[in-house]
PDB file of N, CA and C in Angstrom:
ATOM      1  N   MET A   1       3.414  -5.182 -13.857  1.00  0.00           N
ATOM      2  CA  MET A   1       4.730  -4.407 -12.841  1.00  0.00           C
ATOM      3  C   MET A   1       5.455  -3.603 -14.750  1.00  0.00           C
ATOM      4  N   CYS A   2       5.392  -2.169 -14.116  1.00  0.00           N
ATOM      5  CA  CYS A   2       6.436  -1.560 -14.950  1.00  0.00           C
ATOM      6  C   CYS A   2       7.250  -1.499 -14.680  1.00  0.00           C
ATOM      7  N   SER A   3       8.617  -1.623 -15.377  1.00  0.00           N
ATOM      8  CA  SER A   3       9.416  -1.046 -14.753  1.00  0.00           C
ATOM      9  C   SER A   3      10.277   0.407 -16.355  1.00  0.00           C
ATOM     10  N   ALA A   4      11.312   0.818 -15.604  1.00  0.00           N
ATOM     11  CA  ALA A   4      11.509   2.111 -16.109  1.00  0.00           C
ATOM     12  C   ALA A   4      13.161   2.644 -16.016  1.00  0.00           C
ATOM     13  N   ARG A   5      13.722   2.617 -17.302  1.00  0.00           N
ATOM     14  CA  ARG A   5      15.219   3.221 -17.308  1.00  0.00           C
ATOM     15  C   ARG A   5      15.639   4.112 -17.006  1.00  0.00           C
ATOM     16  N   SER A   6      17.033   4.787 -16.635  1.00  0.00           N
ATOM     17  CA  SER A   6      17.240   6.195 -16.938  1.00  0.00           C
ATOM     18  C   SER A   6      17.310   6.814 -18.208  1.00  0.00           C
ATOM     19  N   LEU A   7      16.960   7.782 -18.247  1.00  0.00           N
ATOM     20  CA  LEU A   7      16.444   8.354 -20.434  1.00  0.00           C
ATOM     21  C   LEU A   7      18.519   8.536 -19.923  1.00  0.00           C
ATOM     22  N   ARG A   8      19.256   8.716 -19.243  1.00  0.00           N
ATOM     23  CA  ARG A   8      20.717   9.120 -19.867  1.00  0.00           C
ATOM     24  C   ARG A   8      21.201   8.252 -20.605  1.00  0.00           C
ATOM     25  N   SER A   9      21.014   7.157 -20.551  1.00  0.00           N
ATOM     26  CA  SER A   9      21.548   6.010 -21.480  1.00  0.00           C
ATOM     27  C   SER A   9      20.765   6.328 -22.261  1.00  0.00           C
ATOM     28  N   ASP A  10      22.440   5.669 -23.072  1.00  0.00           N
ATOM     29  CA  ASP A  10      21.982   5.859 -24.971  1.00  0.00           C
ATOM     30  C   ASP A  10      21.313   4.813 -25.198  1.00  0.00           C
ATOM     31  N   ARG A  11      20.855   3.711 -24.895  1.00  0.00           N
ATOM     32  CA  ARG A  11      20.021   3.180 -25.781  1.00  0.00           C
ATOM     33  C   ARG A  11      18.570   3.507 -25.064  1.00  0.00           C
ATOM     34  N   VAL A  12      18.306   4.177 -24.540  1.00  0.00           N
ATOM     35  CA  VAL A  12      16.877   4.490 -24.375  1.00  0.00           C
ATOM     36  C   VAL A  12      16.542   5.580 -24.862  1.00  0.00           C
ATOM     37  N   GLN A  13      17.563   6.866 -25.321  1.00  0.00           N
ATOM     38  CA  GLN A  13      17.628   7.350 -25.495  1.00  0.00           C
ATOM     39  C   GLN A  13      17.478   7.695 -27.670  1.00  0.00           C
ATOM     40  N   THR A  14      18.262   6.235 -27.625  1.00  0.00           N
ATOM     41  CA  THR A  14      17.845   6.386 -29.319  1.00  0.00           C
ATOM     42  C   THR A  14      16.787   5.701 -29.456  1.00  0.00           C
ATOM     43  N   LYS A  15      15.920   4.810 -28.204  1.00  0.00           N
ATOM     44  CA  LYS A  15      14.910   3.985 -28.480  1.00  0.00           C
ATOM     45  C   LYS A  15      13.604   5.104 -28.351  1.00  0.00           C
ATOM     46  N   ALA A  16      14.106   6.280 -27.610  1.00  0.00           N
ATOM     47  CA  ALA A  16      12.623   7.675 -27.970  1.00  0.00           C
ATOM     48  C   ALA A  16      12.843   7.851 -28.717  1.00  0.00           C
ATOM     49  N   ARG A  17      13.789   8.229 -29.823  1.00  0.00           N
ATOM     50  CA  ARG A  17      13.826   9.037 -30.936  1.00  0.00           C
ATOM     51  C   ARG A  17      13.352   8.297 -31.662  1.00  0.00           C
ATOM     52  N   SER A  18      13.257   6.984 -31.834  1.00  0.00           N
ATOM     53  CA  SER A  18      12.604   6.626 -33.025  1.00  0.00           C
ATOM     54  C   SER A  18      11.099   6.407 -32.662  1.00  0.00           C
ATOM     55  N   LEU A  19      10.535   6.550 -31.576  1.00  0.00           N
ATOM     56  CA  LEU A  19       9.020   6.854 -31.029  1.00  0.00           C
ATOM     57  C   LEU A  19       8.797   8.073 -31.046  1.00  0.00           C
ATOM     58  N   ARG A  20       9.294   9.041 -31.660  1.00  0.00           N
ATOM     59  CA  ARG A  20       8.619  10.063 -31.842  1.00  0.00           C
ATOM     60  C   ARG A  20       8.182  10.777 -32.627  1.00  0.00           C
ATOM     61  N   SER A  21       7.109  11.807 -33.126  1.00  0.00           N
ATOM     62  CA  SER A  21       5.572  11.639 -33.925  1.00  0.00           C
ATOM     63  C   SER A  21       6.149  13.689 -33.987  1.00  0.00           C
ATOM     64  N   ASP A  22       5.157  13.612 -34.345  1.00  0.00           N
ATOM     65  CA  ASP A  22       4.811  15.474 -34.385  1.00  0.00           C
ATOM     66  C   ASP A  22       5.212  16.430 -32.990  1.00  0.00           C
ATOM     67  N   ARG A  23       5.475  15.662 -31.823  1.00  0.00           N
ATOM     68  CA  ARG A  23       5.390  15.847 -30.759  1.00  0.00           C
ATOM     69  C   ARG A  23       7.011  15.595 -30.283  1.00  0.00           C
ATOM     70  N   THR A  24       7.358  16.848 -29.571  1.00  0.00           N
ATOM     71  CA  THR A  24       8.591  15.982 -29.236  1.00  0.00           C
ATOM     72  C   THR A  24       8.587  16.775 -27.722  1.00  0.00           C
ATOM     73  N   SER A  25       9.502  15.440 -26.702  1.00  0.00           N
ATOM     74  CA  SER A  25      10.202  15.987 -25.150  1.00  0.00           C
ATOM     75  C   SER A  25      11.501  16.780 -25.170  1.00  0.00           C
ATOM     76  N   ILE A  26      11.801  17.121 -23.845  1.00  0.00           N
ATOM     77  CA  ILE A  26      12.729  17.232 -23.713  1.00  0.00           C
ATOM     78  C   ILE A  26      12.744  16.847 -22.043  1.00  0.00           C
ATOM     79  N   PRO A  27      14.341  16.045 -22.348  1.00  0.00           N
ATOM     80  CA  PRO A  27      14.573  15.003 -20.948  1.00  0.00           C
ATOM     81  C   PRO A  27      14.988  16.346 -20.275  1.00  0.00           C
ATOM     82  N   LEU A  28      14.168  16.546 -18.786  1.00  0.00           N
ATOM     83  CA  LEU A  28      14.955  17.015 -18.009  1.00  0.00           C
ATOM     84  C   LEU A  28      15.757  16.170 -16.252  1.00  0.00           C
ATOM     85  N   GLY A  29      16.302  15.180 -16.852  1.00  0.00           N
ATOM     86  CA  GLY A  29      16.920  14.333 -15.765  1.00  0.00           C
ATOM     87  C   GLY A  29      15.791  13.818 -14.987  1.00  0.00           C
ATOM     88  N   ARG A  30      16.769  12.865 -14.084  1.00  0.00           N
ATOM     89  CA  ARG A  30      15.961  11.680 -12.669  1.00  0.00           C
ATOM     90  C   ARG A  30      14.506  12.725 -12.321  1.00  0.00           C
ATOM     91  N   TYR A  31      15.181  13.639 -11.656  1.00  0.00           N
ATOM     92  CA  TYR A  31      13.814  14.435 -10.744  1.00  0.00           C
ATOM     93  C   TYR A  31      13.936  15.291 -11.467  1.00  0.00           C
ATOM     94  N   VAL A  32      12.319  15.790 -11.507  1.00  0.00           N
ATOM     95  CA  VAL A  32      11.942  16.975 -12.150  1.00  0.00           C
ATOM     96  C   VAL A  32      11.242  18.142 -11.334  1.00  0.00           C
ATOM     97  N   ALA A  33      11.098  18.000 -10.259  1.00  0.00           N
ATOM     98  CA  ALA A  33      10.187  18.777  -9.174  1.00  0.00           C
ATOM     99  C   ALA A  33      10.974  18.467  -8.214  1.00  0.00           C
ATOM    100  N   ILE A  34      11.369  19.437  -7.509  1.00  0.00           N
ATOM    101  CA  ILE A  34      11.438  19.091  -5.537  1.00  0.00           C
ATOM    102  C   ILE A  34      10.569  20.159  -4.752  1.00  0.00           C
ATOM    103  N   GLU A  35       9.589  19.917  -4.283  1.00  0.00           N
ATOM    104  CA  GLU A  35       8.084  20.390  -3.501  1.00  0.00           C
ATOM    105  C   GLU A  35       8.064  20.551  -1.840  1.00  0.00           C
ATOM    106  N   LEU A  36       7.525  21.700  -1.161  1.00  0.00           N
ATOM    107  CA  LEU A  36       7.292  20.804  -0.169  1.00  0.00           C
ATOM    108  C   LEU A  36       5.611  21.230   0.378  1.00  0.00           C
ATOM    109  N   GLU A  37       5.494  20.223   1.062  1.00  0.00           N
ATOM    110  CA  GLU A  37       4.384  19.474   1.084  1.00  0.00           C
ATOM    111  C   GLU A  37       3.618  20.054   3.201  1.00  0.00           C
ATOM    112  N   SER A  38       2.620  20.432   3.049  1.00  0.00           N
ATOM    113  CA  SER A  38       2.015  19.897   4.530  1.00  0.00           C
ATOM    114  C   SER A  38       0.973  19.361   4.916  1.00  0.00           C
ATOM    115  N   LYS A  39       1.955  18.532   5.981  1.00  0.00           N
ATOM    116  CA  LYS A  39       0.917  16.944   6.164  1.00  0.00           C
ATOM    117  C   LYS A  39       0.873  17.409   7.837  1.00  0.00           C
ATOM    118  N   LEU A  40      -0.182  18.027   8.378  1.00  0.00           N
ATOM    119  CA  LEU A  40      -0.434  18.246   9.736  1.00  0.00           C
ATOM    120  C   LEU A  40       0.567  18.396  10.509  1.00  0.00           C
ATOM    121  N   GLY A  41       0.708  19.664   9.740  1.00  0.00           N
ATOM    122  CA  GLY A  41       1.430  20.232  10.486  1.00  0.00           C
ATOM    123  C   GLY A  41       3.307  20.645  10.046  1.00  0.00           C
ATOM    124  N   ARG A  42       3.198  19.817   9.601  1.00  0.00           N
ATOM    125  CA  ARG A  42       4.923  19.063   9.527  1.00  0.00           C
ATOM    126  C   ARG A  42       4.670  19.016   7.891  1.00  0.00           C
ATOM    127  N   TYR A  43       6.624  19.621   7.515  1.00  0.00           N
ATOM    128  CA  TYR A  43       6.650  19.680   6.085  1.00  0.00           C
ATOM    129  C   TYR A  43       7.173  18.808   5.782  1.00  0.00           C
ATOM    130  N   ALA A  44       6.553  17.354   4.126  1.00  0.00           N
ATOM    131  CA  ALA A  44       7.688  16.579   3.631  1.00  0.00           C
ATOM    132  C   ALA A  44       8.061  16.353   2.391  1.00  0.00           C
ATOM    133  N   ARG A  45       9.471  16.286   2.074  1.00  0.00           N
ATOM    134  CA  ARG A  45      10.248  16.718   1.135  1.00  0.00           C
ATOM    135  C   ARG A  45       9.327  15.876   0.043  1.00  0.00           C
ATOM    136  N   SER A  46       8.954  16.718  -1.035  1.00  0.00           N
ATOM    137  CA  SER A  46       8.405  15.150  -1.914  1.00  0.00           C
ATOM    138  C   SER A  46       9.105  15.729  -2.927  1.00  0.00           C
ATOM    139  N   LEU A  47       9.551  13.626  -4.122  1.00  0.00           N
ATOM    140  CA  LEU A  47      10.520  14.452  -4.653  1.00  0.00           C
ATOM    141  C   LEU A  47      10.054  13.726  -6.265  1.00  0.00           C
ATOM    142  N   HIS A  48       9.501  13.826  -7.406  1.00  0.00           N
ATOM    143  CA  HIS A  48       9.021  13.486  -8.442  1.00  0.00           C
ATOM    144  C   HIS A  48       9.039  12.781  -9.525  1.00  0.00           C
ATOM    145  N   SER A  49       9.780  12.094 -10.024  1.00  0.00           N
ATOM    146  CA  SER A  49      11.019  11.244 -11.033  1.00  0.00           C
ATOM    147  C   SER A  49       9.790  10.720 -11.934  1.00  0.00           C
ATOM    148  N   VAL A  50      10.195  11.334 -13.250  1.00  0.00           N
ATOM    149  CA  VAL A  50       9.218  10.816 -14.329  1.00  0.00           C
ATOM    150  C   VAL A  50      10.236  10.406 -15.179  1.00  0.00           C
ATOM    151  N   ALA A  51       9.181   9.665 -15.811  1.00  0.00           N
ATOM    152  CA  ALA A  51      10.318   8.341 -17.041  1.00  0.00           C
ATOM    153  C   ALA A  51       8.990   8.385 -18.257  1.00  0.00           C
ATOM    154  N   THR A  52       9.221   8.759 -19.928  1.00  0.00           N
ATOM    155  CA  THR A  52       8.738   8.553 -20.883  1.00  0.00           C
ATOM    156  C   THR A  52       9.154   7.314 -21.209  1.00  0.00           C
ATOM    157  N   LEU A  53       7.770   6.250 -21.182  1.00  0.00           N
ATOM    158  CA  LEU A  53       7.360   5.010 -21.875  1.00  0.00           C
ATOM    159  C   LEU A  53       6.264   5.155 -23.002  1.00  0.00           C
ATOM    160  N   GLY A  54       6.975   5.418 -24.359  1.00  0.00           N
ATOM    161  CA  GLY A  54       6.205   5.649 -25.793  1.00  0.00           C
ATOM    162  C   GLY A  54       5.150   6.800 -25.928  1.00  0.00           C
ATOM    163  N   ARG A  55       3.906   6.412 -25.723  1.00  0.00           N
ATOM    164  CA  ARG A  55       3.137   7.778 -25.466  1.00  0.00           C
ATOM    165  C   ARG A  55       2.513   8.289 -24.239  1.00  0.00           C
ATOM    166  N   TYR A  56       3.385   7.393 -23.024  1.00  0.00           N
ATOM    167  CA  TYR A  56       2.875   7.681 -21.754  1.00  0.00           C
ATOM    168  C   TYR A  56       3.861   8.356 -21.094  1.00  0.00           C
ATOM    169  N   VAL A  57       3.455   9.040 -19.988  1.00  0.00           N
ATOM    170  CA  VAL A  57       4.521   9.203 -19.112  1.00  0.00           C
ATOM    171  C   VAL A  57       4.057   8.912 -17.713  1.00  0.00           C
ATOM    172  N   ALA A  58       5.162   8.811 -16.839  1.00  0.00           N
ATOM    173  CA  ALA A  58       4.897   7.695 -15.453  1.00  0.00           C
ATOM    174  C   ALA A  58       5.262   8.523 -14.622  1.00  0.00           C
ATOM    175  N   GLY A  59       4.689   8.886 -13.439  1.00  0.00           N
ATOM    176  CA  GLY A  59       6.145   9.442 -12.619  1.00  0.00           C
ATOM    177  C   GLY A  59       5.025   8.954 -11.805  1.00  0.00           C
ATOM    178  N   ALA A  60       6.300   9.008 -10.795  1.00  0.00           N
ATOM    179  CA  ALA A  60       6.438   8.223  -9.035  1.00  0.00           C
ATOM    180  C   ALA A  60       6.266   9.377  -8.299  1.00  0.00           C
ATOM    181  N   ARG A  61       6.192   9.450  -6.946  1.00  0.00           N
ATOM    182  CA  ARG A  61       6.470  10.605  -5.957  1.00  0.00           C
ATOM    183  C   ARG A  61       6.300   9.775  -4.470  1.00  0.00           C
ATOM    184  N   SER A  62       7.542  10.189  -3.930  1.00  0.00           N
ATOM    185  CA  SER A  62       8.253   9.402  -2.669  1.00  0.00           C
ATOM    186  C   SER A  62       7.767  10.414  -1.635  1.00  0.00           C
ATOM    187  N   LEU A  63       7.021   9.807  -1.139  1.00  0.00           N
ATOM    188  CA  LEU A  63       6.681  11.139   0.424  1.00  0.00           C
ATOM    189  C   LEU A  63       7.531  10.685   1.875  1.00  0.00           C
ATOM    190  N   HIS A  64       8.864   9.606   1.387  1.00  0.00           N
ATOM    191  CA  HIS A  64       9.451   9.298   2.420  1.00  0.00           C
ATOM    192  C   HIS A  64       8.492   8.813   3.652  1.00  0.00           C
ATOM    193  N   SER A  65       7.968   7.831   3.252  1.00  0.00           N
ATOM    194  CA  SER A  65       6.971   7.415   4.339  1.00  0.00           C
ATOM    195  C   SER A  65       7.148   5.779   4.154  1.00  0.00           C
ATOM    196  N   ASP A  66       6.104   5.107   4.317  1.00  0.00           N
ATOM    197  CA  ASP A  66       5.469   3.596   3.931  1.00  0.00           C
ATOM    198  C   ASP A  66       4.843   3.923   2.519  1.00  0.00           C
ATOM    199  N   ARG A  67       3.983   5.347   1.814  1.00  0.00           N
ATOM    200  CA  ARG A  67       3.576   5.188   1.085  1.00  0.00           C
ATOM    201  C   ARG A  67       4.193   5.357  -0.051  1.00  0.00           C
ATOM    202  N   ALA A  68       3.343   5.125  -1.535  1.00  0.00           N
ATOM    203  CA  ALA A  68       4.339   6.132  -2.938  1.00  0.00           C
ATOM    204  C   ALA A  68       3.350   5.810  -3.637  1.00  0.00           C
ATOM    205  N   ARG A  69       3.228   6.615  -4.226  1.00  0.00           N
ATOM    206  CA  ARG A  69       2.100   6.755  -5.716  1.00  0.00           C
ATOM    207  C   ARG A  69       2.660   7.009  -6.722  1.00  0.00           C
ATOM    208  N   THR A  70       2.330   6.650  -8.358  1.00  0.00           N
ATOM    209  CA  THR A  70       2.775   6.405  -9.603  1.00  0.00           C
ATOM    210  C   THR A  70       1.280   6.488  -9.877  1.00  0.00           C
ATOM    211  N   GLU A  71       1.422   7.311 -11.025  1.00  0.00           N
ATOM    212  CA  GLU A  71       0.993   8.091 -12.110  1.00  0.00           C
ATOM    213  C   GLU A  71       1.126   8.130 -13.495  1.00  0.00           C
ATOM    214  N   VAL A  72       0.090   7.441 -14.333  1.00  0.00           N
ATOM    215  CA  VAL A  72       0.896   7.389 -16.270  1.00  0.00           C
ATOM    216  C   VAL A  72      -0.199   8.704 -16.155  1.00  0.00           C
ATOM    217  N   TRP A  73      -0.101   9.158 -17.009  1.00  0.00           N
ATOM    218  CA  TRP A  73      -0.253  10.214 -18.183  1.00  0.00           C
ATOM    219  C   TRP A  73      -0.265  10.248 -19.604  1.00  0.00           C
ATOM    220  N   SER A  74      -1.442  10.104 -20.550  1.00  0.00           N
ATOM    221  CA  SER A  74      -1.388  10.244 -21.420  1.00  0.00           C
ATOM    222  C   SER A  74      -1.113  11.195 -22.187  1.00  0.00           C
ATOM    223  N   LEU A  75       0.084  11.582 -23.995  1.00  0.00           N
ATOM    224  CA  LEU A  75       0.716  12.427 -24.582  1.00  0.00           C
ATOM    225  C   LEU A  75      -0.280  12.768 -25.130  1.00  0.00           C
ATOM    226  N   PHE A  76      -1.548  12.459 -25.538  1.00  0.00           N
ATOM    227  CA  PHE A  76      -2.273  12.432 -26.086  1.00  0.00           C
ATOM    228  C   PHE A  76      -3.627  12.585 -25.818  1.00  0.00           C
TER     229      PHE A  76
END
């Protein structure tokens, strides 16, 4: 099980600074993209939430349905 805290927390920002290497990242807030997706002739709004977890970035997509998808990308 994976949990992530908001990047707006001072405690989390301090921890993120201590984990930096030669790569930098810019916090974009809780939601970084809102897009419309066509599904069977209907449009569903997708909200993408991104949290930085050490050297990995986890993103969660909500499709306003019973399905949810989580992805993890490596920064290296």
